[in-house]
Amino acid sequence: MGVLPRLLRSGLHAGQHRRGAVHATKTIAICAGLAGAAALFGLNSLAQASAQPGPALAADLPDARPAGSTRLRVWGLDIYDASLWVAPGFRADAWAQGRFALELHYLRNFDGEDIARRSLDEMRRQGPVSDAQAQAWLAAMRAAFPDVKRGDRLTGVYEPGVGARFFHNGEPRPPVRDSVFAQRFFAIWLDARTSEPALREALLAPAR
């Protein structure tokens, strides 16, 4: 659900050089997901995008309300629209304690394997990750994140103390029942240590 340099390249050349079946965001991004390329190169811009609920939200987080939404652009290219939906009682300054959903509406094609690997790289920014955790998390993300193409939606639902559930175009993907994974994964966008502070601000500011 996130987007980093190698991931971006896979999306740009997806029509010509596809490596297997093509998957951040990041989707949930993420997901990947996943913000990062712009921070490394200092070339991103964010524009507000209208938040339209995807099909997974009505059934899985029916009491959610829209918080922030934004569009991630890298090198002048539209990558994805990100929208944050929050349950009643959500607090931006304590985001890891409340239920929410992060929806990424992809505007380019990306490879799932790349999204999983770059998501793990971004998760390491939040703190140490053991080899055992890295292997388990990478396997979980490989299962959860399909290849995505332009127009696809990846939605991640955060359940504090439980884990994360993912949806691709409204269809459920394998959940990850690991609360540490879930917090680290969504921290890619929402933690103060994110590589994309402007994106974080756009998502969380309306919830303050």
N, C-alpha and C. Protein backbone atom coordinates (compact mmCIF):
# COMPACT_ATOMS: atom_id res chain seq x y z
N MET A 1 0.82 -1.19 0.00
CA MET A 1 0.00 0.00 0.00
C MET A 1 0.86 1.26 0.00
N GLY A 2 2.16 1.24 0.02
CA GLY A 2 2.98 2.44 -0.02
C GLY A 2 3.75 2.58 -1.30
N VAL A 3 4.41 3.71 -1.50
CA VAL A 3 5.10 3.96 -2.75
C VAL A 3 6.50 4.46 -2.48
N LEU A 4 7.52 3.73 -2.89
CA LEU A 4 8.91 4.11 -2.78
C LEU A 4 9.54 3.98 -4.16
N PRO A 5 10.80 4.43 -4.35
CA PRO A 5 11.36 4.50 -5.69
C PRO A 5 11.23 3.22 -6.50
N ARG A 6 11.63 2.06 -5.93
CA ARG A 6 11.58 0.83 -6.72
C ARG A 6 10.14 0.47 -7.04
N LEU A 7 9.24 0.69 -6.09
CA LEU A 7 7.82 0.43 -6.31
C LEU A 7 7.27 1.33 -7.40
N LEU A 8 7.64 2.60 -7.38
CA LEU A 8 7.17 3.52 -8.40
C LEU A 8 7.62 3.07 -9.77
N ARG A 9 8.89 2.63 -9.88
CA ARG A 9 9.37 2.16 -11.17
C ARG A 9 8.59 0.96 -11.66
N SER A 10 8.22 0.06 -10.75
CA SER A 10 7.45 -1.11 -11.18
C SER A 10 6.10 -0.68 -11.73
N GLY A 11 5.51 0.39 -11.15
CA GLY A 11 4.23 0.87 -11.65
C GLY A 11 4.36 1.55 -12.99
N LEU A 12 5.43 2.32 -13.17
CA LEU A 12 5.61 3.05 -14.42
C LEU A 12 5.83 2.11 -15.59
N HIS A 13 6.46 0.95 -15.33
CA HIS A 13 6.78 0.03 -16.42
C HIS A 13 5.88 -1.20 -16.42
N ALA A 14 4.80 -1.15 -15.66
CA ALA A 14 3.97 -2.34 -15.55
C ALA A 14 3.41 -2.78 -16.88
N GLY A 15 3.13 -1.84 -17.76
CA GLY A 15 2.57 -2.19 -19.04
C GLY A 15 3.56 -2.84 -19.97
N GLN A 16 4.87 -2.70 -19.68
CA GLN A 16 5.89 -3.22 -20.58
C GLN A 16 6.67 -4.37 -19.98
N HIS A 17 6.95 -4.31 -18.66
CA HIS A 17 7.79 -5.32 -18.02
C HIS A 17 7.09 -5.82 -16.77
N ARG A 18 6.20 -6.75 -16.88
CA ARG A 18 5.45 -7.27 -15.75
C ARG A 18 6.19 -8.47 -15.18
N ARG A 19 6.42 -8.46 -13.87
CA ARG A 19 7.12 -9.56 -13.23
C ARG A 19 6.09 -10.45 -12.55
N GLY A 20 5.65 -11.49 -13.24
CA GLY A 20 4.61 -12.36 -12.71
C GLY A 20 3.29 -11.62 -12.73
N ALA A 21 2.37 -12.08 -11.84
CA ALA A 21 1.09 -11.40 -11.74
C ALA A 21 1.30 -10.11 -10.97
N VAL A 22 0.86 -8.99 -11.54
CA VAL A 22 1.23 -7.71 -10.97
C VAL A 22 0.35 -7.31 -9.79
N HIS A 23 1.11 -6.48 -7.66
CA HIS A 23 0.33 -5.65 -6.51
C HIS A 23 0.62 -4.19 -6.51
N ALA A 24 0.19 -0.08 -0.98
CA ALA A 24 0.57 0.26 -1.46
C ALA A 24 0.70 0.23 -1.92
N THR A 25 0.21 2.53 -1.45
CA THR A 25 0.03 2.87 -0.89
C THR A 25 0.45 2.29 -1.15
N LYS A 26 1.52 3.02 -0.38
CA LYS A 26 0.89 3.05 -0.06
C LYS A 26 0.70 3.30 0.05
N THR A 27 -1.80 0.45 -0.55
CA THR A 27 -2.22 0.86 -0.12
C THR A 27 -2.15 1.13 0.44
N ILE A 28 -2.82 0.23 2.35
CA ILE A 28 -3.48 0.72 3.23
C ILE A 28 -3.35 0.91 3.32
N ALA A 29 -1.89 2.01 0.40
CA ALA A 29 -1.93 2.39 0.75
C ALA A 29 -2.02 2.70 1.00
N ILE A 30 -2.08 1.09 1.95
CA ILE A 30 -2.01 1.23 2.20
C ILE A 30 -1.95 1.86 1.98
N CYS A 31 0.37 -0.50 0.65
CA CYS A 31 0.24 -0.37 0.68
C CYS A 31 0.25 0.11 0.71
N ALA A 32 0.40 -0.38 0.24
CA ALA A 32 0.63 -0.07 0.21
C ALA A 32 0.75 0.26 0.03
N GLY A 33 0.63 1.30 -0.02
CA GLY A 33 0.78 1.66 0.34
C GLY A 33 1.20 2.19 0.53
N LEU A 34 2.26 3.18 -0.52
CA LEU A 34 2.98 3.58 0.66
C LEU A 34 3.82 4.79 0.34
N ALA A 35 3.76 5.75 1.24
CA ALA A 35 4.49 6.98 1.00
C ALA A 35 5.95 6.78 1.29
N GLY A 36 6.82 7.47 0.58
CA GLY A 36 8.24 7.37 0.86
C GLY A 36 9.11 7.91 -0.23
N ALA A 37 8.80 7.64 -1.47
CA ALA A 37 9.66 8.08 -2.56
C ALA A 37 9.82 9.58 -2.55
N ALA A 38 8.71 10.28 -2.34
CA ALA A 38 8.79 11.73 -2.36
C ALA A 38 9.68 12.26 -1.26
N ALA A 39 9.59 11.64 -0.09
CA ALA A 39 10.42 12.12 1.01
C ALA A 39 11.90 11.92 0.71
N LEU A 40 12.23 10.83 0.04
CA LEU A 40 13.63 10.56 -0.26
C LEU A 40 14.17 11.52 -1.30
N PHE A 41 13.34 11.90 -2.25
CA PHE A 41 13.81 12.74 -3.34
C PHE A 41 13.36 14.19 -3.23
N GLY A 42 12.46 14.48 -2.29
CA GLY A 42 11.99 15.85 -2.10
C GLY A 42 11.21 16.37 -3.28
N LEU A 43 10.44 15.49 -3.95
CA LEU A 43 9.78 15.90 -5.17
C LEU A 43 8.28 15.63 -5.14
N ASN A 44 7.69 15.47 -3.95
CA ASN A 44 6.27 15.16 -3.95
C ASN A 44 5.44 16.41 -3.78
N SER A 45 4.19 16.30 -4.19
CA SER A 45 3.21 17.34 -3.88
C SER A 45 1.92 16.64 -3.53
N LEU A 46 1.14 17.24 -2.64
CA LEU A 46 -0.11 16.66 -2.20
C LEU A 46 -1.23 17.61 -2.57
N ALA A 47 -2.31 17.06 -3.09
CA ALA A 47 -3.49 17.85 -3.42
C ALA A 47 -4.69 17.19 -2.78
N GLN A 48 -5.66 17.97 -2.34
CA GLN A 48 -6.83 17.41 -1.71
C GLN A 48 -7.63 16.59 -2.71
N ALA A 49 -8.10 15.46 -2.25
CA ALA A 49 -8.92 14.58 -3.08
C ALA A 49 -10.24 14.33 -2.35
N SER A 50 -11.33 14.26 -3.08
CA SER A 50 -12.62 14.04 -2.45
C SER A 50 -12.69 12.62 -1.91
N ALA A 51 -13.20 12.48 -0.68
CA ALA A 51 -13.30 11.17 -0.05
C ALA A 51 -14.64 10.54 -0.41
N GLN A 52 -14.59 9.43 -1.12
CA GLN A 52 -15.77 8.67 -1.46
C GLN A 52 -15.62 7.28 -0.84
N PRO A 53 -16.58 6.85 0.00
CA PRO A 53 -16.43 5.57 0.67
C PRO A 53 -16.43 4.41 -0.31
N GLY A 54 -15.54 3.46 -0.07
CA GLY A 54 -15.50 2.24 -0.87
C GLY A 54 -16.47 1.22 -0.31
N PRO A 55 -16.70 0.14 -1.04
CA PRO A 55 -17.71 -0.84 -0.63
C PRO A 55 -17.38 -1.55 0.67
N ALA A 56 -16.10 -1.65 1.04
CA ALA A 56 -15.74 -2.37 2.26
C ALA A 56 -16.17 -1.62 3.51
N LEU A 57 -16.27 -0.29 3.43
CA LEU A 57 -16.49 0.51 4.64
C LEU A 57 -17.89 0.36 5.20
N ALA A 58 -18.89 0.34 4.33
CA ALA A 58 -20.27 0.29 4.81
C ALA A 58 -20.52 -0.95 5.66
N ALA A 59 -19.94 -2.07 5.25
CA ALA A 59 -20.17 -3.31 5.98
C ALA A 59 -19.23 -3.48 7.16
N ASP A 60 -17.99 -3.01 7.03
CA ASP A 60 -16.99 -3.33 8.05
C ASP A 60 -16.81 -2.24 9.10
N LEU A 61 -17.11 -1.00 8.76
CA LEU A 61 -16.98 0.10 9.72
C LEU A 61 -18.17 1.03 9.50
N PRO A 62 -19.39 0.53 9.76
CA PRO A 62 -20.60 1.27 9.39
C PRO A 62 -20.77 2.60 10.09
N ASP A 63 -20.16 2.76 11.26
CA ASP A 63 -20.32 4.01 12.01
C ASP A 63 -19.20 5.01 11.73
N ALA A 64 -18.38 4.73 10.73
CA ALA A 64 -17.23 5.60 10.45
C ALA A 64 -17.66 6.90 9.79
N ARG A 65 -16.88 7.93 10.05
CA ARG A 65 -17.08 9.22 9.38
C ARG A 65 -15.79 9.59 8.66
N PRO A 66 -15.87 10.36 7.59
CA PRO A 66 -14.65 10.74 6.88
C PRO A 66 -13.81 11.72 7.68
N ALA A 67 -12.53 11.50 7.70
CA ALA A 67 -11.59 12.45 8.31
C ALA A 67 -10.87 13.14 7.16
N GLY A 68 -9.57 12.95 7.02
CA GLY A 68 -8.85 13.63 5.96
C GLY A 68 -8.72 12.80 4.69
N SER A 69 -8.47 13.47 3.60
CA SER A 69 -8.20 12.80 2.32
C SER A 69 -7.20 13.64 1.55
N THR A 70 -6.41 12.98 0.74
CA THR A 70 -5.38 13.69 -0.01
C THR A 70 -4.93 12.85 -1.19
N ARG A 71 -4.28 13.48 -2.13
CA ARG A 71 -3.72 12.76 -3.28
C ARG A 71 -2.20 12.81 -3.19
N LEU A 72 -1.58 11.67 -3.36
CA LEU A 72 -0.12 11.60 -3.38
C LEU A 72 0.36 11.71 -4.82
N ARG A 73 1.27 12.66 -5.04
CA ARG A 73 1.90 12.81 -6.35
C ARG A 73 3.40 12.70 -6.18
N VAL A 74 4.05 12.00 -7.08
CA VAL A 74 5.50 11.85 -7.07
C VAL A 74 6.01 12.19 -8.46
N TRP A 75 6.97 13.10 -8.53
CA TRP A 75 7.53 13.54 -9.82
C TRP A 75 6.43 14.01 -10.77
N GLY A 76 5.37 14.61 -10.23
CA GLY A 76 4.27 15.10 -11.04
C GLY A 76 3.29 14.03 -11.47
N LEU A 77 3.48 12.80 -11.02
CA LEU A 77 2.60 11.69 -11.39
C LEU A 77 1.62 11.40 -10.26
N ASP A 78 0.36 11.20 -10.60
CA ASP A 78 -0.64 10.82 -9.61
C ASP A 78 -0.41 9.36 -9.21
N ILE A 79 -0.28 9.10 -7.90
CA ILE A 79 -0.01 7.75 -7.40
C ILE A 79 -1.27 7.12 -6.81
N TYR A 80 -1.85 7.76 -5.80
CA TYR A 80 -3.11 7.27 -5.25
C TYR A 80 -3.80 8.38 -4.48
N ASP A 81 -5.10 8.22 -4.29
CA ASP A 81 -5.88 9.05 -3.38
C ASP A 81 -6.01 8.28 -2.07
N ALA A 82 -5.70 8.93 -0.97
CA ALA A 82 -5.79 8.31 0.35
C ALA A 82 -6.91 8.96 1.14
N SER A 83 -7.72 8.15 1.79
CA SER A 83 -8.82 8.66 2.62
C SER A 83 -8.82 7.93 3.95
N LEU A 84 -8.97 8.69 5.02
CA LEU A 84 -9.04 8.12 6.36
C LEU A 84 -10.47 8.23 6.88
N TRP A 85 -10.99 7.10 7.36
CA TRP A 85 -12.33 7.04 7.93
C TRP A 85 -12.20 6.60 9.38
N VAL A 86 -12.87 7.29 10.29
CA VAL A 86 -12.66 7.04 11.72
C VAL A 86 -13.98 6.73 12.42
N ALA A 87 -13.88 5.87 13.44
CA ALA A 87 -15.04 5.52 14.25
C ALA A 87 -15.27 6.59 15.31
N PRO A 88 -16.46 6.66 15.89
CA PRO A 88 -16.72 7.64 16.96
C PRO A 88 -15.70 7.51 18.08
N GLY A 89 -15.27 8.65 18.60
CA GLY A 89 -14.29 8.65 19.68
C GLY A 89 -12.85 8.67 19.22
N PHE A 90 -12.62 8.61 17.92
CA PHE A 90 -11.25 8.62 17.40
C PHE A 90 -10.56 9.93 17.75
N ARG A 91 -9.30 9.83 18.18
CA ARG A 91 -8.51 11.02 18.48
C ARG A 91 -7.23 10.98 17.66
N ALA A 92 -6.96 12.06 16.97
CA ALA A 92 -5.77 12.11 16.12
C ALA A 92 -4.49 11.97 16.92
N ASP A 93 -4.48 12.48 18.16
CA ASP A 93 -3.27 12.40 18.98
C ASP A 93 -3.11 11.05 19.67
N ALA A 94 -4.09 10.17 19.48
CA ALA A 94 -4.01 8.81 20.03
C ALA A 94 -4.59 7.85 18.99
N TRP A 95 -4.15 8.00 17.75
CA TRP A 95 -4.75 7.25 16.65
C TRP A 95 -4.66 5.74 16.84
N ALA A 96 -3.62 5.25 17.49
CA ALA A 96 -3.43 3.81 17.64
C ALA A 96 -4.41 3.18 18.62
N GLN A 97 -5.21 4.01 19.29
CA GLN A 97 -6.17 3.49 20.27
C GLN A 97 -7.59 3.39 19.73
N GLY A 98 -7.82 3.88 18.52
CA GLY A 98 -9.17 3.89 17.98
C GLY A 98 -9.30 3.10 16.70
N ARG A 99 -10.53 2.74 16.36
CA ARG A 99 -10.79 2.01 15.12
C ARG A 99 -10.86 3.00 13.96
N PHE A 100 -10.32 2.60 12.83
CA PHE A 100 -10.36 3.44 11.63
C PHE A 100 -10.09 2.58 10.41
N ALA A 101 -10.30 3.17 9.26
CA ALA A 101 -9.99 2.52 7.99
C ALA A 101 -9.22 3.50 7.12
N LEU A 102 -8.20 3.00 6.46
CA LEU A 102 -7.43 3.78 5.50
C LEU A 102 -7.68 3.18 4.13
N GLU A 103 -8.14 4.01 3.22
CA GLU A 103 -8.48 3.55 1.88
C GLU A 103 -7.57 4.22 0.86
N LEU A 104 -6.95 3.41 0.02
CA LEU A 104 -6.11 3.91 -1.05
C LEU A 104 -6.75 3.57 -2.38
N HIS A 105 -7.01 4.59 -3.17
CA HIS A 105 -7.57 4.44 -4.51
C HIS A 105 -6.43 4.65 -5.49
N TYR A 106 -5.95 3.57 -6.07
CA TYR A 106 -4.74 3.62 -6.89
C TYR A 106 -5.00 4.25 -8.25
N LEU A 107 -4.04 5.06 -8.67
CA LEU A 107 -4.12 5.75 -9.96
C LEU A 107 -3.07 5.24 -10.94
N ARG A 108 -2.31 4.22 -10.50
CA ARG A 108 -1.31 3.57 -11.35
C ARG A 108 -1.26 2.09 -10.98
N ASN A 109 -0.59 1.29 -11.82
CA ASN A 109 -0.40 -0.13 -11.54
C ASN A 109 0.83 -0.35 -10.67
N PHE A 110 0.72 -1.27 -9.70
CA PHE A 110 1.86 -1.61 -8.85
C PHE A 110 1.89 -3.10 -8.57
N ASP A 111 3.11 -3.59 -8.35
CA ASP A 111 3.34 -5.00 -8.10
C ASP A 111 3.19 -5.30 -6.61
N GLY A 112 2.44 -6.35 -6.28
CA GLY A 112 2.17 -6.69 -4.89
C GLY A 112 3.39 -7.05 -4.09
N GLU A 113 4.30 -7.77 -4.69
CA GLU A 113 5.53 -8.13 -3.99
C GLU A 113 6.31 -6.89 -3.59
N ASP A 114 6.38 -5.92 -4.49
CA ASP A 114 7.09 -4.68 -4.18
C ASP A 114 6.39 -3.91 -3.06
N ILE A 115 5.07 -3.87 -3.09
CA ILE A 115 4.34 -3.16 -2.05
C ILE A 115 4.62 -3.78 -0.68
N ALA A 116 4.62 -5.09 -0.62
CA ALA A 116 4.89 -5.77 0.65
C ALA A 116 6.30 -5.47 1.15
N ARG A 117 7.28 -5.56 0.27
CA ARG A 117 8.67 -5.34 0.69
C ARG A 117 8.92 -3.89 1.10
N ARG A 118 8.39 -2.95 0.33
CA ARG A 118 8.62 -1.55 0.68
C ARG A 118 7.82 -1.18 1.94
N SER A 119 6.69 -1.83 2.15
CA SER A 119 5.95 -1.60 3.39
C SER A 119 6.79 -2.01 4.59
N LEU A 120 7.45 -3.15 4.48
CA LEU A 120 8.30 -3.61 5.57
C LEU A 120 9.44 -2.63 5.83
N ASP A 121 10.02 -2.10 4.77
CA ASP A 121 11.09 -1.11 4.94
C ASP A 121 10.59 0.10 5.72
N GLU A 122 9.38 0.57 5.39
CA GLU A 122 8.82 1.72 6.08
C GLU A 122 8.47 1.39 7.53
N MET A 123 8.02 0.16 7.78
CA MET A 123 7.69 -0.24 9.14
C MET A 123 8.92 -0.26 10.04
N ARG A 124 10.06 -0.52 9.46
CA ARG A 124 11.31 -0.52 10.24
C ARG A 124 11.65 0.88 10.74
N ARG A 125 11.10 1.92 10.12
CA ARG A 125 11.35 3.29 10.57
C ARG A 125 10.79 3.52 11.98
N GLN A 126 9.80 2.75 12.35
CA GLN A 126 9.14 2.96 13.63
C GLN A 126 9.89 2.34 14.80
N GLY A 127 10.86 1.47 14.51
CA GLY A 127 11.61 0.81 15.57
C GLY A 127 12.15 -0.52 15.10
N PRO A 128 12.90 -1.21 15.95
CA PRO A 128 13.51 -2.49 15.56
C PRO A 128 12.47 -3.53 15.17
N VAL A 129 12.81 -4.33 14.19
CA VAL A 129 11.99 -5.46 13.75
C VAL A 129 12.90 -6.69 13.73
N SER A 130 12.56 -7.71 14.48
CA SER A 130 13.39 -8.91 14.52
C SER A 130 13.29 -9.67 13.20
N ASP A 131 14.24 -10.55 12.96
CA ASP A 131 14.20 -11.35 11.73
C ASP A 131 12.93 -12.19 11.67
N ALA A 132 12.54 -12.75 12.81
CA ALA A 132 11.32 -13.57 12.84
C ALA A 132 10.09 -12.73 12.52
N GLN A 133 10.02 -11.52 13.09
CA GLN A 133 8.90 -10.63 12.78
C GLN A 133 8.90 -10.26 11.31
N ALA A 134 10.06 -9.91 10.79
CA ALA A 134 10.15 -9.49 9.39
C ALA A 134 9.65 -10.59 8.46
N GLN A 135 10.06 -11.82 8.72
CA GLN A 135 9.63 -12.93 7.87
C GLN A 135 8.13 -13.15 7.97
N ALA A 136 7.61 -13.10 9.20
CA ALA A 136 6.18 -13.32 9.39
C ALA A 136 5.36 -12.19 8.77
N TRP A 137 5.79 -10.96 8.96
CA TRP A 137 5.05 -9.82 8.43
C TRP A 137 5.10 -9.79 6.91
N LEU A 138 6.25 -10.12 6.34
CA LEU A 138 6.35 -10.12 4.89
C LEU A 138 5.44 -11.18 4.30
N ALA A 139 5.40 -12.36 4.92
CA ALA A 139 4.51 -13.42 4.44
C ALA A 139 3.05 -12.99 4.53
N ALA A 140 2.70 -12.32 5.63
CA ALA A 140 1.32 -11.86 5.80
C ALA A 140 0.94 -10.82 4.76
N MET A 141 1.84 -9.91 4.47
CA MET A 141 1.55 -8.87 3.48
C MET A 141 1.50 -9.43 2.07
N ARG A 142 2.34 -10.42 1.79
CA ARG A 142 2.28 -11.05 0.47
C ARG A 142 0.90 -11.69 0.24
N ALA A 143 0.35 -12.27 1.30
CA ALA A 143 -0.97 -12.88 1.19
C ALA A 143 -2.08 -11.84 1.12
N ALA A 144 -1.91 -10.76 1.86
CA ALA A 144 -2.98 -9.76 1.97
C ALA A 144 -3.04 -8.80 0.79
N PHE A 145 -1.89 -8.48 0.20
CA PHE A 145 -1.85 -7.45 -0.84
C PHE A 145 -1.78 -8.08 -2.22
N PRO A 146 -2.81 -7.91 -3.03
CA PRO A 146 -2.75 -8.38 -4.41
C PRO A 146 -2.01 -7.37 -5.27
N ASP A 147 -1.75 -7.73 -6.50
CA ASP A 147 -1.29 -6.73 -7.46
C ASP A 147 -2.44 -5.75 -7.68
N VAL A 148 -2.11 -4.50 -7.90
CA VAL A 148 -3.15 -3.50 -8.13
C VAL A 148 -2.95 -2.83 -9.47
N LYS A 149 -4.05 -2.42 -10.04
CA LYS A 149 -4.01 -1.67 -11.29
C LYS A 149 -4.78 -0.37 -11.09
N ARG A 150 -4.65 0.51 -12.05
CA ARG A 150 -5.31 1.80 -11.95
C ARG A 150 -6.81 1.62 -11.72
N GLY A 151 -7.34 2.33 -10.74
CA GLY A 151 -8.75 2.24 -10.40
C GLY A 151 -9.06 1.31 -9.25
N ASP A 152 -8.09 0.48 -8.85
CA ASP A 152 -8.30 -0.44 -7.73
C ASP A 152 -8.30 0.31 -6.40
N ARG A 153 -8.99 -0.27 -5.44
CA ARG A 153 -9.00 0.25 -4.08
C ARG A 153 -8.47 -0.81 -3.12
N LEU A 154 -7.55 -0.42 -2.28
CA LEU A 154 -7.12 -1.25 -1.16
C LEU A 154 -7.55 -0.55 0.12
N THR A 155 -8.23 -1.27 0.97
CA THR A 155 -8.72 -0.71 2.22
C THR A 155 -8.16 -1.52 3.38
N GLY A 156 -7.60 -0.84 4.36
CA GLY A 156 -7.12 -1.49 5.56
C GLY A 156 -7.92 -1.02 6.76
N VAL A 157 -8.42 -1.94 7.54
CA VAL A 157 -9.20 -1.62 8.74
C VAL A 157 -8.36 -1.97 9.97
N TYR A 158 -8.16 -0.99 10.82
CA TYR A 158 -7.34 -1.16 12.02
C TYR A 158 -8.21 -1.46 13.22
N GLU A 159 -7.89 -2.56 13.91
CA GLU A 159 -8.59 -2.93 15.13
C GLU A 159 -7.57 -2.96 16.26
N PRO A 160 -7.57 -1.95 17.12
CA PRO A 160 -6.54 -1.86 18.16
C PRO A 160 -6.54 -3.09 19.07
N GLY A 161 -5.34 -3.60 19.31
CA GLY A 161 -5.19 -4.76 20.16
C GLY A 161 -5.52 -6.08 19.50
N VAL A 162 -5.94 -6.03 18.23
CA VAL A 162 -6.34 -7.25 17.52
C VAL A 162 -5.49 -7.47 16.27
N GLY A 163 -5.52 -6.52 15.36
CA GLY A 163 -4.79 -6.67 14.11
C GLY A 163 -5.37 -5.80 13.02
N ALA A 164 -5.27 -6.28 11.79
CA ALA A 164 -5.72 -5.51 10.63
C ALA A 164 -6.45 -6.42 9.65
N ARG A 165 -7.44 -5.86 9.01
CA ARG A 165 -8.14 -6.56 7.93
C ARG A 165 -8.02 -5.73 6.66
N PHE A 166 -7.93 -6.42 5.54
CA PHE A 166 -7.70 -5.76 4.27
C PHE A 166 -8.75 -6.18 3.25
N PHE A 167 -9.05 -5.24 2.35
CA PHE A 167 -10.03 -5.48 1.29
C PHE A 167 -9.47 -4.96 -0.02
N HIS A 168 -9.71 -5.70 -1.08
CA HIS A 168 -9.32 -5.28 -2.42
C HIS A 168 -10.59 -5.12 -3.24
N ASN A 169 -10.90 -3.89 -3.60
CA ASN A 169 -12.14 -3.59 -4.33
C ASN A 169 -13.36 -4.16 -3.60
N GLY A 170 -13.34 -4.07 -2.27
CA GLY A 170 -14.46 -4.52 -1.47
C GLY A 170 -14.45 -5.98 -1.09
N GLU A 171 -13.56 -6.76 -1.69
CA GLU A 171 -13.49 -8.18 -1.39
C GLU A 171 -12.45 -8.43 -0.30
N PRO A 172 -12.79 -9.25 0.71
CA PRO A 172 -11.85 -9.48 1.81
C PRO A 172 -10.59 -10.21 1.37
N ARG A 173 -9.50 -9.81 1.96
CA ARG A 173 -8.21 -10.47 1.80
C ARG A 173 -7.85 -11.13 3.13
N PRO A 174 -6.82 -11.98 3.17
CA PRO A 174 -6.45 -12.61 4.44
C PRO A 174 -6.13 -11.56 5.51
N PRO A 175 -6.76 -11.65 6.68
CA PRO A 175 -6.48 -10.70 7.75
C PRO A 175 -5.13 -10.99 8.40
N VAL A 176 -4.63 -10.01 9.13
CA VAL A 176 -3.38 -10.18 9.89
C VAL A 176 -3.73 -9.97 11.36
N ARG A 177 -3.78 -11.05 12.10
CA ARG A 177 -4.16 -10.98 13.52
C ARG A 177 -2.90 -10.82 14.37
N ASP A 178 -2.34 -9.65 14.28
CA ASP A 178 -1.10 -9.32 15.00
C ASP A 178 -1.18 -7.82 15.30
N SER A 179 -1.40 -7.49 16.57
CA SER A 179 -1.61 -6.09 16.92
C SER A 179 -0.36 -5.24 16.73
N VAL A 180 0.82 -5.83 16.92
CA VAL A 180 2.06 -5.08 16.71
C VAL A 180 2.23 -4.77 15.23
N PHE A 181 2.00 -5.77 14.39
CA PHE A 181 2.05 -5.54 12.94
C PHE A 181 1.10 -4.41 12.55
N ALA A 182 -0.14 -4.49 13.03
CA ALA A 182 -1.16 -3.52 12.61
C ALA A 182 -0.74 -2.10 12.97
N GLN A 183 -0.24 -1.91 14.18
CA GLN A 183 0.15 -0.56 14.57
C GLN A 183 1.34 -0.07 13.75
N ARG A 184 2.31 -0.94 13.52
CA ARG A 184 3.47 -0.54 12.72
C ARG A 184 3.06 -0.24 11.28
N PHE A 185 2.15 -1.04 10.74
CA PHE A 185 1.75 -0.84 9.35
C PHE A 185 1.07 0.50 9.16
N PHE A 186 0.07 0.79 9.96
CA PHE A 186 -0.65 2.05 9.78
C PHE A 186 0.18 3.26 10.22
N ALA A 187 1.21 3.00 11.02
CA ALA A 187 2.13 4.09 11.39
C ALA A 187 2.86 4.63 10.18
N ILE A 188 2.93 3.85 9.10
CA ILE A 188 3.56 4.33 7.87
C ILE A 188 2.95 5.67 7.47
N TRP A 189 1.66 5.81 7.66
CA TRP A 189 0.96 7.05 7.30
C TRP A 189 0.69 7.97 8.49
N LEU A 190 0.44 7.39 9.66
CA LEU A 190 -0.13 8.16 10.76
C LEU A 190 0.81 8.49 11.91
N ASP A 191 1.93 7.83 12.02
CA ASP A 191 2.86 8.09 13.11
C ASP A 191 3.66 9.35 12.84
N ALA A 192 4.09 10.01 13.92
CA ALA A 192 4.88 11.23 13.78
C ALA A 192 6.22 10.98 13.09
N ARG A 193 6.67 9.73 13.08
CA ARG A 193 7.94 9.39 12.44
C ARG A 193 7.79 9.02 10.97
N THR A 194 6.62 9.22 10.41
CA THR A 194 6.40 8.90 9.01
C THR A 194 7.37 9.62 8.10
N SER A 195 7.67 9.02 6.96
CA SER A 195 8.50 9.69 5.96
C SER A 195 7.69 10.70 5.15
N GLU A 196 6.38 10.77 5.39
CA GLU A 196 5.49 11.70 4.66
C GLU A 196 4.69 12.54 5.65
N PRO A 197 5.31 13.51 6.32
CA PRO A 197 4.58 14.30 7.32
C PRO A 197 3.43 15.12 6.74
N ALA A 198 3.57 15.59 5.51
CA ALA A 198 2.48 16.38 4.92
C ALA A 198 1.26 15.51 4.66
N LEU A 199 1.49 14.28 4.22
CA LEU A 199 0.39 13.36 3.99
C LEU A 199 -0.29 13.03 5.32
N ARG A 200 0.51 12.79 6.35
CA ARG A 200 -0.05 12.52 7.68
C ARG A 200 -0.92 13.67 8.16
N GLU A 201 -0.44 14.89 8.00
CA GLU A 201 -1.20 16.05 8.45
C GLU A 201 -2.51 16.16 7.70
N ALA A 202 -2.49 15.91 6.40
CA ALA A 202 -3.72 16.00 5.62
C ALA A 202 -4.75 14.97 6.06
N LEU A 203 -4.30 13.79 6.45
CA LEU A 203 -5.22 12.75 6.88
C LEU A 203 -5.77 12.99 8.27
N LEU A 204 -4.93 13.46 9.19
CA LEU A 204 -5.32 13.56 10.59
C LEU A 204 -5.91 14.90 11.00
N ALA A 205 -5.54 15.98 10.31
CA ALA A 205 -5.96 17.31 10.75
C ALA A 205 -7.48 17.44 10.92
N PRO A 206 -8.29 16.94 9.98
CA PRO A 206 -9.74 17.10 10.16
C PRO A 206 -10.30 16.32 11.35
N ALA A 207 -9.53 15.37 11.89
CA ALA A 207 -10.01 14.58 13.02
C ALA A 207 -9.63 15.18 14.36
N ARG A 208 -8.90 16.30 14.34
CA ARG A 208 -8.47 16.92 15.60
C ARG A 208 -9.59 17.78 16.20
